[in-house]
N, C-alpha and C. Protein backbone atom coordinates (compact mmCIF):
# COMPACT_ATOMS: atom_id res chain seq x y z
N MET A 1 5.92 6.48 -1.05
CA MET A 1 5.66 5.71 -2.46
C MET A 1 4.73 6.64 -3.29
N ILE A 2 4.64 6.80 -4.49
CA ILE A 2 3.73 7.64 -5.23
C ILE A 2 2.86 6.60 -6.12
N LYS A 3 1.67 6.44 -6.15
CA LYS A 3 0.95 5.90 -6.88
C LYS A 3 -0.15 6.62 -7.97
N GLN A 4 -0.48 6.10 -9.11
CA GLN A 4 -1.26 6.75 -9.97
C GLN A 4 -2.62 6.04 -9.80
N LEU A 5 -3.41 7.07 -9.86
CA LEU A 5 -5.04 6.59 -9.97
C LEU A 5 -5.28 6.07 -11.25
N ARG A 6 -6.11 4.87 -11.54
CA ARG A 6 -6.57 4.67 -13.01
C ARG A 6 -7.92 4.30 -13.09
N LYS A 7 -8.33 4.80 -14.18
CA LYS A 7 -9.72 4.91 -14.75
C LYS A 7 -10.31 3.44 -14.79
N VAL A 8 -11.39 3.35 -14.09
CA VAL A 8 -12.33 2.05 -13.99
C VAL A 8 -13.78 2.34 -13.97
N GLY A 9 -14.24 2.08 -15.36
CA GLY A 9 -15.53 2.64 -15.31
C GLY A 9 -15.89 4.13 -15.24
N ASN A 10 -16.72 4.56 -14.42
CA ASN A 10 -16.70 5.76 -14.13
C ASN A 10 -16.04 6.01 -12.78
N SER A 11 -15.26 5.36 -12.12
CA SER A 11 -14.46 5.76 -11.15
C SER A 11 -13.02 5.70 -11.34
N ASN A 12 -12.46 6.03 -10.31
CA ASN A 12 -10.99 5.76 -10.26
C ASN A 12 -10.56 4.87 -9.30
N ALA A 13 -9.50 4.06 -9.68
CA ALA A 13 -8.99 3.12 -8.62
C ALA A 13 -7.41 3.16 -8.55
N LEU A 14 -7.07 2.86 -7.19
CA LEU A 14 -5.75 2.92 -6.51
C LEU A 14 -5.20 1.49 -6.54
N ILE A 15 -4.31 1.12 -7.38
CA ILE A 15 -3.76 -0.37 -7.56
C ILE A 15 -2.63 -0.45 -6.49
N LEU A 16 -2.78 -1.43 -5.61
CA LEU A 16 -1.61 -1.67 -4.70
C LEU A 16 -0.86 -2.94 -4.84
N ASP A 17 0.37 -2.73 -4.75
CA ASP A 17 1.07 -4.00 -5.27
C ASP A 17 1.00 -5.01 -4.27
N LYS A 18 1.32 -6.18 -4.48
CA LYS A 18 1.20 -7.44 -3.81
C LYS A 18 1.97 -7.35 -2.60
N PRO A 19 3.27 -6.87 -2.46
CA PRO A 19 3.88 -6.59 -1.14
C PRO A 19 3.24 -5.74 -0.14
N ILE A 20 2.60 -4.79 -0.83
CA ILE A 20 1.89 -3.84 0.09
C ILE A 20 0.64 -4.31 0.60
N LEU A 21 -0.14 -5.28 -0.17
CA LEU A 21 -1.25 -5.84 0.25
C LEU A 21 -0.89 -6.96 1.54
N GLU A 22 0.33 -7.62 1.30
CA GLU A 22 0.78 -8.41 2.33
C GLU A 22 1.21 -7.86 3.52
N LEU A 23 1.76 -6.75 3.50
CA LEU A 23 2.07 -5.89 4.72
C LEU A 23 0.91 -5.54 5.44
N LEU A 24 -0.15 -5.08 4.72
CA LEU A 24 -1.52 -4.67 5.37
C LEU A 24 -2.32 -6.10 5.88
N GLY A 25 -2.00 -7.30 5.52
CA GLY A 25 -2.59 -8.43 5.70
C GLY A 25 -3.87 -8.42 4.96
N LEU A 26 -3.72 -8.08 3.51
CA LEU A 26 -4.77 -8.02 2.66
C LEU A 26 -4.82 -8.84 1.58
N GLU A 27 -5.73 -9.52 1.12
CA GLU A 27 -5.67 -10.39 -0.15
C GLU A 27 -6.71 -9.72 -1.14
N GLU A 28 -6.49 -10.53 -2.24
CA GLU A 28 -7.40 -9.91 -3.47
C GLU A 28 -8.75 -9.96 -2.94
N ASN A 29 -9.63 -9.05 -3.38
CA ASN A 29 -11.17 -8.68 -2.90
C ASN A 29 -11.38 -8.47 -1.29
N GLY A 30 -10.02 -8.28 -0.66
CA GLY A 30 -10.08 -7.87 0.83
C GLY A 30 -10.80 -6.53 0.79
N GLN A 31 -11.47 -6.28 1.95
CA GLN A 31 -12.23 -5.02 2.51
C GLN A 31 -11.09 -4.17 3.20
N VAL A 32 -11.50 -2.76 3.02
CA VAL A 32 -10.41 -1.81 3.73
C VAL A 32 -11.48 -0.82 4.08
N GLN A 33 -10.90 -0.06 5.33
CA GLN A 33 -11.43 0.93 5.95
C GLN A 33 -10.99 2.12 5.39
N LEU A 34 -11.72 3.27 4.90
CA LEU A 34 -11.18 4.39 4.52
C LEU A 34 -11.61 5.65 5.41
N THR A 35 -10.69 6.43 5.75
CA THR A 35 -10.76 7.49 6.60
C THR A 35 -10.20 8.71 6.06
N ILE A 36 -10.67 9.89 6.27
CA ILE A 36 -10.30 11.12 5.76
C ILE A 36 -9.91 11.88 7.20
N GLN A 37 -8.60 12.07 7.43
CA GLN A 37 -8.18 13.03 8.58
C GLN A 37 -7.23 13.98 8.16
N ASP A 38 -7.56 15.47 8.55
CA ASP A 38 -6.57 16.48 8.18
C ASP A 38 -6.28 16.51 6.84
N GLY A 39 -7.07 16.07 5.87
CA GLY A 39 -6.82 16.04 4.56
C GLY A 39 -6.15 15.00 3.90
N HIS A 40 -6.06 13.95 4.66
CA HIS A 40 -5.23 12.76 4.23
C HIS A 40 -6.30 11.60 4.32
N LEU A 41 -5.89 10.83 3.10
CA LEU A 41 -6.75 9.51 3.12
C LEU A 41 -6.02 8.16 3.69
N ILE A 42 -6.61 7.74 4.76
CA ILE A 42 -6.00 6.65 5.43
C ILE A 42 -6.59 5.48 5.02
N VAL A 43 -5.97 4.35 4.55
CA VAL A 43 -6.38 3.01 4.32
C VAL A 43 -6.08 2.05 5.16
N THR A 44 -7.01 1.24 5.98
CA THR A 44 -6.59 0.18 6.84
C THR A 44 -7.51 -0.97 6.58
N PRO A 45 -6.86 -2.03 6.98
CA PRO A 45 -7.55 -3.32 6.92
C PRO A 45 -9.06 -3.32 7.64
N ALA A 46 -10.24 -3.80 6.98
CA ALA A 46 -11.29 -3.61 7.73
C ALA A 46 -11.33 -4.66 8.86
N PHE A 47 -10.76 -5.69 8.63
CA PHE A 47 -10.36 -6.77 9.59
C PHE A 47 -9.13 -7.15 9.73
N PRO A 48 -8.21 -6.38 10.52
CA PRO A 48 -6.88 -6.78 10.60
C PRO A 48 -6.36 -7.89 11.38
N ARG A 49 -5.19 -8.31 10.77
CA ARG A 49 -4.60 -9.50 11.35
C ARG A 49 -3.14 -9.15 11.84
N VAL A 50 -2.46 -9.55 12.77
CA VAL A 50 -1.31 -9.59 13.29
C VAL A 50 -0.19 -10.00 12.18
N VAL A 51 0.72 -8.86 12.13
CA VAL A 51 1.66 -9.30 11.06
C VAL A 51 3.17 -9.05 11.93
N ARG A 52 4.06 -10.11 11.64
CA ARG A 52 5.03 -10.69 12.39
C ARG A 52 6.13 -9.46 11.79
N ALA A 53 7.18 -8.95 12.55
CA ALA A 53 8.01 -8.04 12.27
C ALA A 53 8.95 -8.76 11.01
N GLU A 54 9.34 -9.84 11.17
CA GLU A 54 10.23 -10.38 10.14
C GLU A 54 9.41 -10.48 8.83
N ASP A 55 8.00 -10.52 8.77
CA ASP A 55 7.28 -10.42 7.34
C ASP A 55 7.48 -9.03 6.79
N VAL A 56 7.30 -7.98 7.80
CA VAL A 56 7.11 -6.56 7.48
C VAL A 56 8.65 -6.17 6.78
N THR A 57 9.79 -6.65 7.63
CA THR A 57 11.25 -6.35 6.98
C THR A 57 11.44 -6.98 5.82
N GLY A 58 11.08 -8.39 5.50
CA GLY A 58 11.19 -8.88 4.22
C GLY A 58 10.62 -8.28 2.94
N HIS A 59 9.19 -7.93 3.21
CA HIS A 59 8.36 -7.16 2.32
C HIS A 59 9.03 -5.69 1.99
N LEU A 60 9.32 -4.90 3.12
CA LEU A 60 9.86 -3.81 2.94
C LEU A 60 11.16 -3.69 2.07
N ASP A 61 12.03 -4.80 2.57
CA ASP A 61 13.29 -4.69 1.66
C ASP A 61 12.96 -5.02 0.18
N TYR A 62 11.75 -5.84 -0.20
CA TYR A 62 11.59 -6.03 -1.63
C TYR A 62 11.18 -4.77 -2.21
N VAL A 63 10.20 -3.88 -1.49
CA VAL A 63 9.68 -3.00 -2.03
C VAL A 63 10.80 -1.73 -2.33
N MET A 64 11.84 -1.52 -1.37
CA MET A 64 12.80 -0.64 -1.24
C MET A 64 13.79 -0.92 -2.41
N LYS A 65 14.10 -2.32 -2.90
CA LYS A 65 14.90 -2.63 -3.88
C LYS A 65 14.25 -2.24 -5.14
N LYS A 66 12.76 -2.74 -5.27
CA LYS A 66 12.25 -2.53 -6.49
C LYS A 66 11.84 -0.96 -6.83
N ARG A 67 11.71 -0.21 -5.71
CA ARG A 67 11.51 1.28 -5.98
C ARG A 67 12.62 2.16 -5.49
N ALA A 68 13.99 1.62 -5.77
CA ALA A 68 15.06 2.21 -5.51
C ALA A 68 15.42 3.58 -5.87
N ASN A 69 15.11 3.53 -7.35
CA ASN A 69 15.21 4.76 -7.99
C ASN A 69 14.32 5.92 -7.68
N VAL A 70 13.04 5.68 -7.59
CA VAL A 70 12.10 6.32 -7.05
C VAL A 70 12.42 6.95 -5.64
N LEU A 71 12.75 6.37 -4.57
CA LEU A 71 12.97 6.60 -3.38
C LEU A 71 13.98 7.57 -3.40
N SER A 72 15.28 7.02 -4.02
CA SER A 72 16.42 7.90 -4.38
C SER A 72 16.06 9.51 -4.71
N ARG A 73 15.25 9.45 -5.82
CA ARG A 73 14.64 10.79 -6.21
C ARG A 73 13.90 11.64 -5.24
N LEU A 74 13.15 10.78 -4.41
CA LEU A 74 12.19 11.70 -3.40
C LEU A 74 13.32 12.06 -2.22
N ALA A 75 14.24 11.46 -2.11
CA ALA A 75 15.21 11.71 -1.01
C ALA A 75 16.10 13.05 -1.28
N ASP A 76 16.25 13.27 -2.78
CA ASP A 76 16.93 14.47 -3.13
C ASP A 76 16.24 15.66 -3.06
């Protein structure tokens, strides 16, 4: 999934869709841990919770349907 940074004051923000937040177990104003490893930015919940496989599948289906065009272009 490709996301665009948005200007917020003197900073840039990465806006995460609600299904992604739910997959990560985050809510509005939740805290995340940022790690840089081998040139990659890794975003993880600061206080992770257990997520059930059924929840992941349901949200993944939603994201895949909503972003089907983008995913198809990426696959080509």
